[in-house]
Amino acid sequence: MVKYTPFSDEAVLVEFGKRIAGYRLNNNWTQAELANRAGVSKSTVEHIEKGQSTQLLNMVKILRALGLLNQFISIVPELGPSPMELLMQSKNQQKNKRKRASKPRNNTQGQASSFDSPNDFSETSIAAEPKSKWVWDEDK
């Protein structure tokens, strides 16, 4: 003989079965109608309503037929990201951050660069070299 305590596995199954039977009766369905709507056998419905163990898939089918699947799923809340996932996300965000250039660029989009000016090159040069070449110690 099984001893039922308020939260024993057997007591939970019996209570669960009673509640399933109550919802079935509120819909004015027979066990056969519920079984047909859920896609399970009538004996499966009988077992569940008696508090006997059954496959979880059959329970899901019955709860779906009764319109109770969302409540069943909400029993176990979704977990947030794990600490490792959070760490990886923060590392990826740091990698994706744009690093600032060490010096600002003189050329902005749409403006000609200093080498685009026609005055910077001699017209007779073959390789298009600047008019004045840089010479050592010129800047002193």
N, C-alpha and C. Protein backbone atom coordinates (compact mmCIF):
# COMPACT_ATOMS: atom_id res chain seq x y z
N MET A 1 0.84 -1.18 0.00
CA MET A 1 0.00 0.00 0.00
C MET A 1 0.89 1.25 0.00
N VAL A 2 0.53 2.21 -0.87
CA VAL A 2 1.29 3.43 -1.01
C VAL A 2 0.80 4.43 0.02
N LYS A 3 1.76 5.03 0.71
CA LYS A 3 1.40 6.05 1.70
C LYS A 3 1.43 7.41 1.00
N TYR A 4 0.32 8.13 1.10
CA TYR A 4 0.22 9.44 0.47
C TYR A 4 0.52 10.52 1.48
N THR A 5 1.52 11.32 1.17
CA THR A 5 1.81 12.51 1.96
C THR A 5 1.44 13.71 1.09
N PRO A 6 1.29 14.88 1.68
CA PRO A 6 0.80 16.01 0.89
C PRO A 6 1.57 16.27 -0.41
N PHE A 7 2.86 16.06 -0.41
CA PHE A 7 3.64 16.37 -1.61
C PHE A 7 4.39 15.16 -2.15
N SER A 8 3.91 13.98 -1.86
CA SER A 8 4.56 12.80 -2.43
C SER A 8 4.26 12.76 -3.93
N ASP A 9 5.09 12.05 -4.66
CA ASP A 9 4.89 11.94 -6.11
C ASP A 9 3.52 11.37 -6.43
N GLU A 10 3.14 10.36 -5.68
CA GLU A 10 1.84 9.72 -5.91
C GLU A 10 0.69 10.68 -5.65
N ALA A 11 0.80 11.47 -4.58
CA ALA A 11 -0.25 12.43 -4.25
C ALA A 11 -0.37 13.50 -5.33
N VAL A 12 0.74 13.93 -5.86
CA VAL A 12 0.72 14.93 -6.93
C VAL A 12 0.04 14.36 -8.16
N LEU A 13 0.35 13.12 -8.53
CA LEU A 13 -0.27 12.50 -9.69
C LEU A 13 -1.78 12.34 -9.51
N VAL A 14 -2.20 11.95 -8.31
CA VAL A 14 -3.63 11.79 -8.03
C VAL A 14 -4.34 13.15 -8.15
N GLU A 15 -3.76 14.18 -7.55
CA GLU A 15 -4.35 15.51 -7.62
C GLU A 15 -4.40 16.01 -9.06
N PHE A 16 -3.34 15.77 -9.79
CA PHE A 16 -3.28 16.17 -11.20
C PHE A 16 -4.39 15.47 -11.99
N GLY A 17 -4.55 14.18 -11.75
CA GLY A 17 -5.59 13.41 -12.44
C GLY A 17 -6.99 13.93 -12.13
N LYS A 18 -7.23 14.29 -10.86
CA LYS A 18 -8.53 14.85 -10.48
C LYS A 18 -8.80 16.16 -11.22
N ARG A 19 -7.78 16.97 -11.33
CA ARG A 19 -7.95 18.26 -12.01
C ARG A 19 -8.20 18.07 -13.51
N ILE A 20 -7.50 17.13 -14.11
CA ILE A 20 -7.73 16.83 -15.53
C ILE A 20 -9.17 16.37 -15.73
N ALA A 21 -9.64 15.49 -14.85
CA ALA A 21 -11.02 15.01 -14.94
C ALA A 21 -12.00 16.17 -14.76
N GLY A 22 -11.70 17.09 -13.84
CA GLY A 22 -12.57 18.24 -13.63
C GLY A 22 -12.67 19.12 -14.87
N TYR A 23 -11.56 19.40 -15.51
CA TYR A 23 -11.59 20.21 -16.73
C TYR A 23 -12.33 19.48 -17.85
N ARG A 24 -12.14 18.18 -17.93
CA ARG A 24 -12.85 17.39 -18.95
C ARG A 24 -14.35 17.48 -18.73
N LEU A 25 -14.78 17.32 -17.48
CA LEU A 25 -16.21 17.37 -17.17
C LEU A 25 -16.78 18.78 -17.39
N ASN A 26 -16.00 19.83 -17.11
CA ASN A 26 -16.46 21.20 -17.37
C ASN A 26 -16.73 21.42 -18.85
N ASN A 27 -16.02 20.71 -19.70
CA ASN A 27 -16.24 20.79 -21.14
C ASN A 27 -17.34 19.83 -21.61
N ASN A 28 -17.91 19.08 -20.67
CA ASN A 28 -18.95 18.09 -20.98
C ASN A 28 -18.45 17.05 -21.98
N TRP A 29 -17.21 16.61 -21.78
CA TRP A 29 -16.63 15.59 -22.64
C TRP A 29 -16.54 14.28 -21.89
N THR A 30 -16.72 13.20 -22.62
CA THR A 30 -16.45 11.88 -22.05
C THR A 30 -14.95 11.64 -22.13
N GLN A 31 -14.51 10.59 -21.47
CA GLN A 31 -13.09 10.23 -21.57
C GLN A 31 -12.73 9.89 -23.02
N ALA A 32 -13.64 9.25 -23.72
CA ALA A 32 -13.41 8.89 -25.12
C ALA A 32 -13.29 10.14 -25.99
N GLU A 33 -14.13 11.16 -25.72
CA GLU A 33 -14.04 12.41 -26.50
C GLU A 33 -12.71 13.12 -26.27
N LEU A 34 -12.29 13.19 -25.00
CA LEU A 34 -11.00 13.82 -24.70
C LEU A 34 -9.87 13.04 -25.37
N ALA A 35 -9.93 11.73 -25.29
CA ALA A 35 -8.89 10.90 -25.90
C ALA A 35 -8.83 11.14 -27.41
N ASN A 36 -9.99 11.23 -28.05
CA ASN A 36 -10.05 11.47 -29.49
C ASN A 36 -9.48 12.84 -29.84
N ARG A 37 -9.85 13.87 -29.08
CA ARG A 37 -9.35 15.23 -29.34
C ARG A 37 -7.84 15.32 -29.10
N ALA A 38 -7.34 14.57 -28.13
CA ALA A 38 -5.92 14.62 -27.79
C ALA A 38 -5.08 13.68 -28.65
N GLY A 39 -5.70 12.73 -29.29
CA GLY A 39 -4.94 11.77 -30.09
C GLY A 39 -4.27 10.70 -29.25
N VAL A 40 -4.91 10.34 -28.14
CA VAL A 40 -4.39 9.28 -27.27
C VAL A 40 -5.50 8.25 -27.08
N SER A 41 -5.16 7.15 -26.45
CA SER A 41 -6.18 6.13 -26.21
C SER A 41 -7.03 6.50 -25.00
N LYS A 42 -8.22 5.92 -24.94
CA LYS A 42 -9.12 6.16 -23.81
C LYS A 42 -8.48 5.64 -22.52
N SER A 43 -7.74 4.55 -22.61
CA SER A 43 -7.10 4.00 -21.41
C SER A 43 -6.03 4.96 -20.87
N THR A 44 -5.40 5.73 -21.75
CA THR A 44 -4.42 6.72 -21.29
C THR A 44 -5.12 7.79 -20.46
N VAL A 45 -6.26 8.26 -20.93
CA VAL A 45 -7.03 9.25 -20.17
C VAL A 45 -7.45 8.65 -18.83
N GLU A 46 -7.89 7.42 -18.83
CA GLU A 46 -8.29 6.75 -17.58
C GLU A 46 -7.12 6.68 -16.60
N HIS A 47 -5.95 6.30 -17.11
CA HIS A 47 -4.76 6.19 -16.25
C HIS A 47 -4.40 7.55 -15.63
N ILE A 48 -4.43 8.58 -16.45
CA ILE A 48 -4.08 9.91 -15.94
C ILE A 48 -5.08 10.36 -14.88
N GLU A 49 -6.35 10.17 -15.15
CA GLU A 49 -7.37 10.61 -14.19
C GLU A 49 -7.34 9.82 -12.89
N LYS A 50 -6.80 8.61 -12.93
CA LYS A 50 -6.65 7.80 -11.71
C LYS A 50 -5.37 8.14 -10.96
N GLY A 51 -4.54 8.99 -11.56
CA GLY A 51 -3.29 9.35 -10.90
C GLY A 51 -2.16 8.39 -11.19
N GLN A 52 -2.30 7.63 -12.25
CA GLN A 52 -1.23 6.71 -12.62
C GLN A 52 -0.24 7.41 -13.54
N SER A 53 0.96 6.91 -13.54
CA SER A 53 2.02 7.51 -14.33
C SER A 53 1.75 7.31 -15.82
N THR A 54 2.18 8.27 -16.62
CA THR A 54 2.03 8.20 -18.06
C THR A 54 3.21 8.92 -18.72
N GLN A 55 3.33 8.75 -20.00
CA GLN A 55 4.38 9.46 -20.72
C GLN A 55 4.06 10.95 -20.77
N LEU A 56 5.10 11.75 -20.69
CA LEU A 56 4.92 13.19 -20.71
C LEU A 56 4.27 13.65 -22.01
N LEU A 57 4.60 13.03 -23.12
CA LEU A 57 4.01 13.40 -24.40
C LEU A 57 2.49 13.26 -24.37
N ASN A 58 1.99 12.19 -23.76
CA ASN A 58 0.54 12.01 -23.65
C ASN A 58 -0.08 13.10 -22.78
N MET A 59 0.63 13.48 -21.73
CA MET A 59 0.13 14.55 -20.86
C MET A 59 0.06 15.87 -21.65
N VAL A 60 1.08 16.14 -22.45
CA VAL A 60 1.10 17.36 -23.26
C VAL A 60 -0.08 17.36 -24.24
N LYS A 61 -0.35 16.23 -24.86
CA LYS A 61 -1.47 16.13 -25.80
C LYS A 61 -2.80 16.40 -25.11
N ILE A 62 -2.97 15.85 -23.93
CA ILE A 62 -4.23 16.05 -23.20
C ILE A 62 -4.37 17.50 -22.74
N LEU A 63 -3.29 18.07 -22.23
CA LEU A 63 -3.34 19.47 -21.80
C LEU A 63 -3.61 20.39 -22.98
N ARG A 64 -3.06 20.09 -24.14
CA ARG A 64 -3.33 20.89 -25.33
C ARG A 64 -4.81 20.79 -25.70
N ALA A 65 -5.37 19.60 -25.67
CA ALA A 65 -6.78 19.41 -26.01
C ALA A 65 -7.69 20.17 -25.03
N LEU A 66 -7.27 20.27 -23.78
CA LEU A 66 -8.06 20.99 -22.77
C LEU A 66 -7.78 22.49 -22.77
N GLY A 67 -6.83 22.95 -23.57
CA GLY A 67 -6.48 24.36 -23.61
C GLY A 67 -5.64 24.80 -22.42
N LEU A 68 -4.91 23.87 -21.82
CA LEU A 68 -4.13 24.17 -20.62
C LEU A 68 -2.62 24.10 -20.84
N LEU A 69 -2.19 23.99 -22.07
CA LEU A 69 -0.77 23.79 -22.33
C LEU A 69 0.08 24.99 -21.91
N ASN A 70 -0.42 26.21 -22.14
CA ASN A 70 0.35 27.40 -21.75
C ASN A 70 0.58 27.45 -20.25
N GLN A 71 -0.44 27.10 -19.47
CA GLN A 71 -0.27 27.08 -18.01
C GLN A 71 0.75 26.03 -17.60
N PHE A 72 0.73 24.90 -18.28
CA PHE A 72 1.67 23.83 -17.97
C PHE A 72 3.10 24.27 -18.26
N ILE A 73 3.30 24.92 -19.40
CA ILE A 73 4.64 25.37 -19.77
C ILE A 73 5.14 26.44 -18.81
N SER A 74 4.23 27.27 -18.31
CA SER A 74 4.64 28.36 -17.42
C SER A 74 5.06 27.87 -16.04
N ILE A 75 4.86 26.60 -15.75
CA ILE A 75 5.31 26.05 -14.46
C ILE A 75 6.81 26.20 -14.31
N VAL A 76 7.53 25.97 -15.39
CA VAL A 76 8.99 26.09 -15.37
C VAL A 76 9.35 27.35 -16.16
N PRO A 77 9.72 28.43 -15.47
CA PRO A 77 10.01 29.68 -16.19
C PRO A 77 11.27 29.57 -17.04
N GLU A 78 11.32 30.43 -18.06
CA GLU A 78 12.50 30.46 -18.92
C GLU A 78 13.68 30.99 -18.13
N LEU A 79 14.83 30.42 -18.40
CA LEU A 79 16.06 30.90 -17.79
C LEU A 79 16.61 32.05 -18.62
N GLY A 80 17.26 32.97 -17.96
CA GLY A 80 17.97 34.02 -18.67
C GLY A 80 19.28 33.45 -19.19
N PRO A 81 20.08 34.29 -19.80
CA PRO A 81 21.36 33.80 -20.30
C PRO A 81 22.26 33.35 -19.15
N SER A 82 23.04 32.32 -19.40
CA SER A 82 23.96 31.81 -18.38
C SER A 82 25.11 32.80 -18.20
N PRO A 83 25.84 32.71 -17.11
CA PRO A 83 26.99 33.60 -16.91
C PRO A 83 28.01 33.50 -18.05
N MET A 84 28.21 32.32 -18.59
CA MET A 84 29.15 32.17 -19.71
C MET A 84 28.62 32.88 -20.96
N GLU A 85 27.31 32.77 -21.21
CA GLU A 85 26.73 33.46 -22.36
C GLU A 85 26.86 34.97 -22.21
N LEU A 86 26.62 35.48 -21.00
CA LEU A 86 26.78 36.91 -20.76
C LEU A 86 28.21 37.36 -20.99
N LEU A 87 29.16 36.55 -20.54
CA LEU A 87 30.57 36.88 -20.73
C LEU A 87 30.92 36.91 -22.22
N MET A 88 30.45 35.92 -22.96
CA MET A 88 30.73 35.87 -24.39
C MET A 88 30.09 37.06 -25.12
N GLN A 89 28.88 37.44 -24.70
CA GLN A 89 28.22 38.59 -25.32
C GLN A 89 29.01 39.86 -25.08
N SER A 90 29.50 40.04 -23.86
CA SER A 90 30.25 41.26 -23.56
C SER A 90 31.58 41.28 -24.33
N LYS A 91 32.21 40.12 -24.49
CA LYS A 91 33.45 40.06 -25.27
C LYS A 91 33.18 40.39 -26.73
N ASN A 92 32.07 39.88 -27.27
CA ASN A 92 31.73 40.15 -28.66
C ASN A 92 31.41 41.63 -28.86
N GLN A 93 30.76 42.24 -27.88
CA GLN A 93 30.45 43.67 -27.98
C GLN A 93 31.72 44.49 -27.96
N GLN A 94 32.69 44.09 -27.14
CA GLN A 94 33.95 44.82 -27.09
C GLN A 94 34.71 44.69 -28.40
N LYS A 95 34.66 43.51 -29.01
CA LYS A 95 35.34 43.31 -30.29
C LYS A 95 34.70 44.16 -31.38
N ASN A 96 33.37 44.29 -31.31
CA ASN A 96 32.65 44.98 -32.37
C ASN A 96 32.68 46.50 -32.22
N LYS A 97 33.13 47.00 -31.09
CA LYS A 97 33.20 48.45 -30.91
C LYS A 97 34.24 49.01 -31.87
N ARG A 98 33.92 50.12 -32.46
CA ARG A 98 34.84 50.76 -33.39
C ARG A 98 35.91 51.49 -32.61
N LYS A 99 37.13 51.25 -32.99
CA LYS A 99 38.24 51.93 -32.33
C LYS A 99 38.48 53.25 -33.05
N ARG A 100 38.76 54.27 -32.30
CA ARG A 100 38.98 55.60 -32.85
C ARG A 100 40.35 55.65 -33.51
N ALA A 101 40.42 56.33 -34.62
CA ALA A 101 41.69 56.49 -35.32
C ALA A 101 42.61 57.34 -34.46
N SER A 102 43.91 57.10 -34.56
CA SER A 102 44.87 57.84 -33.74
C SER A 102 44.94 59.31 -34.15
N LYS A 103 44.77 59.62 -35.43
CA LYS A 103 44.78 61.00 -35.91
C LYS A 103 43.55 61.20 -36.77
N PRO A 104 42.94 62.35 -36.67
CA PRO A 104 41.78 62.59 -37.55
C PRO A 104 42.24 62.69 -39.00
N ARG A 105 41.42 62.26 -39.88
CA ARG A 105 41.74 62.30 -41.30
C ARG A 105 41.47 63.69 -41.85
N ASN A 106 42.31 64.13 -42.78
CA ASN A 106 42.11 65.42 -43.43
C ASN A 106 41.02 65.33 -44.48
N ASN A 107 40.91 64.18 -45.09
CA ASN A 107 39.97 64.00 -46.18
C ASN A 107 38.62 63.60 -45.63
N THR A 108 37.61 64.37 -45.92
CA THR A 108 36.25 63.98 -45.56
C THR A 108 35.56 63.56 -46.83
N GLN A 109 34.54 62.79 -46.67
CA GLN A 109 33.86 62.23 -47.83
C GLN A 109 33.28 63.35 -48.68
N GLY A 110 33.50 63.29 -49.98
CA GLY A 110 32.97 64.28 -50.89
C GLY A 110 33.92 65.42 -51.17
N GLN A 111 35.00 65.57 -50.41
CA GLN A 111 35.97 66.63 -50.66
C GLN A 111 37.20 66.01 -51.31
N ALA A 112 37.86 66.81 -52.11
CA ALA A 112 39.06 66.32 -52.79
C ALA A 112 40.21 66.26 -51.81
N SER A 113 41.04 65.26 -51.93
CA SER A 113 42.22 65.16 -51.09
C SER A 113 43.29 66.10 -51.62
N SER A 114 44.36 66.28 -50.87
CA SER A 114 45.42 67.18 -51.30
C SER A 114 46.08 66.70 -52.58
N PHE A 115 46.04 65.41 -52.86
CA PHE A 115 46.66 64.90 -54.07
C PHE A 115 45.71 64.96 -55.27
N ASP A 116 44.46 65.28 -55.00
CA ASP A 116 43.50 65.38 -56.09
C ASP A 116 43.54 66.75 -56.76
N SER A 117 44.22 67.68 -56.15
CA SER A 117 44.31 69.03 -56.70
C SER A 117 45.22 69.03 -57.92
N PRO A 118 44.82 69.65 -59.00
CA PRO A 118 45.65 69.64 -60.21
C PRO A 118 46.94 70.44 -60.05
N ASN A 119 47.03 71.33 -59.07
CA ASN A 119 48.23 72.15 -58.88
C ASN A 119 49.36 71.37 -58.22
N ASP A 120 49.09 70.23 -57.66
CA ASP A 120 50.11 69.48 -56.95
C ASP A 120 51.03 68.70 -57.88
N PHE A 121 50.67 68.53 -59.11
CA PHE A 121 51.45 67.72 -60.03
C PHE A 121 51.86 68.56 -61.23
N SER A 122 53.04 68.30 -61.69
CA SER A 122 53.48 69.00 -62.90
C SER A 122 52.83 68.34 -64.10
N GLU A 123 52.48 69.13 -65.06
CA GLU A 123 51.78 68.60 -66.22
C GLU A 123 52.71 67.80 -67.12
N THR A 124 54.00 68.06 -67.02
CA THR A 124 54.94 67.37 -67.90
C THR A 124 55.49 66.10 -67.31
N SER A 125 55.26 65.85 -66.04
CA SER A 125 55.84 64.65 -65.43
C SER A 125 55.11 63.42 -65.90
N ILE A 126 55.85 62.37 -66.12
CA ILE A 126 55.26 61.12 -66.60
C ILE A 126 54.59 60.37 -65.46
N ALA A 127 55.22 60.33 -64.29
CA ALA A 127 54.71 59.56 -63.17
C ALA A 127 53.84 60.40 -62.25
N ALA A 128 53.52 61.60 -62.60
CA ALA A 128 52.69 62.50 -61.82
C ALA A 128 53.24 62.66 -60.41
N GLU A 129 54.45 63.20 -60.31
CA GLU A 129 55.08 63.43 -59.01
C GLU A 129 54.73 64.83 -58.53
N PRO A 130 54.76 65.06 -57.21
CA PRO A 130 54.49 66.41 -56.72
C PRO A 130 55.54 67.38 -57.26
N LYS A 131 55.16 68.69 -57.39
CA LYS A 131 56.08 69.70 -57.92
C LYS A 131 57.30 69.84 -57.04
N SER A 132 57.10 69.91 -55.74
CA SER A 132 58.25 70.08 -54.85
C SER A 132 58.45 68.79 -54.07
N LYS A 133 59.64 68.26 -54.11
CA LYS A 133 59.95 67.03 -53.39
C LYS A 133 60.40 67.38 -51.99
N TRP A 134 60.22 66.46 -51.10
CA TRP A 134 60.64 66.65 -49.72
C TRP A 134 62.14 66.44 -49.64
N VAL A 135 62.85 67.30 -48.90
CA VAL A 135 64.30 67.23 -48.79
C VAL A 135 64.64 67.07 -47.32
N TRP A 136 65.69 66.29 -47.03
CA TRP A 136 66.12 66.10 -45.64
C TRP A 136 66.42 67.44 -44.99
N ASP A 137 66.07 67.54 -43.73
CA ASP A 137 66.30 68.72 -42.89
C ASP A 137 65.62 69.97 -43.43
N GLU A 138 64.68 69.82 -44.31
CA GLU A 138 63.96 70.97 -44.85
C GLU A 138 63.02 71.58 -43.82
N ASP A 139 62.49 70.75 -42.93
CA ASP A 139 61.51 71.23 -41.97
C ASP A 139 62.13 71.93 -40.78
N LYS A 140 63.44 72.02 -40.66
CA LYS A 140 64.08 72.66 -39.50
C LYS A 140 64.23 74.13 -39.68
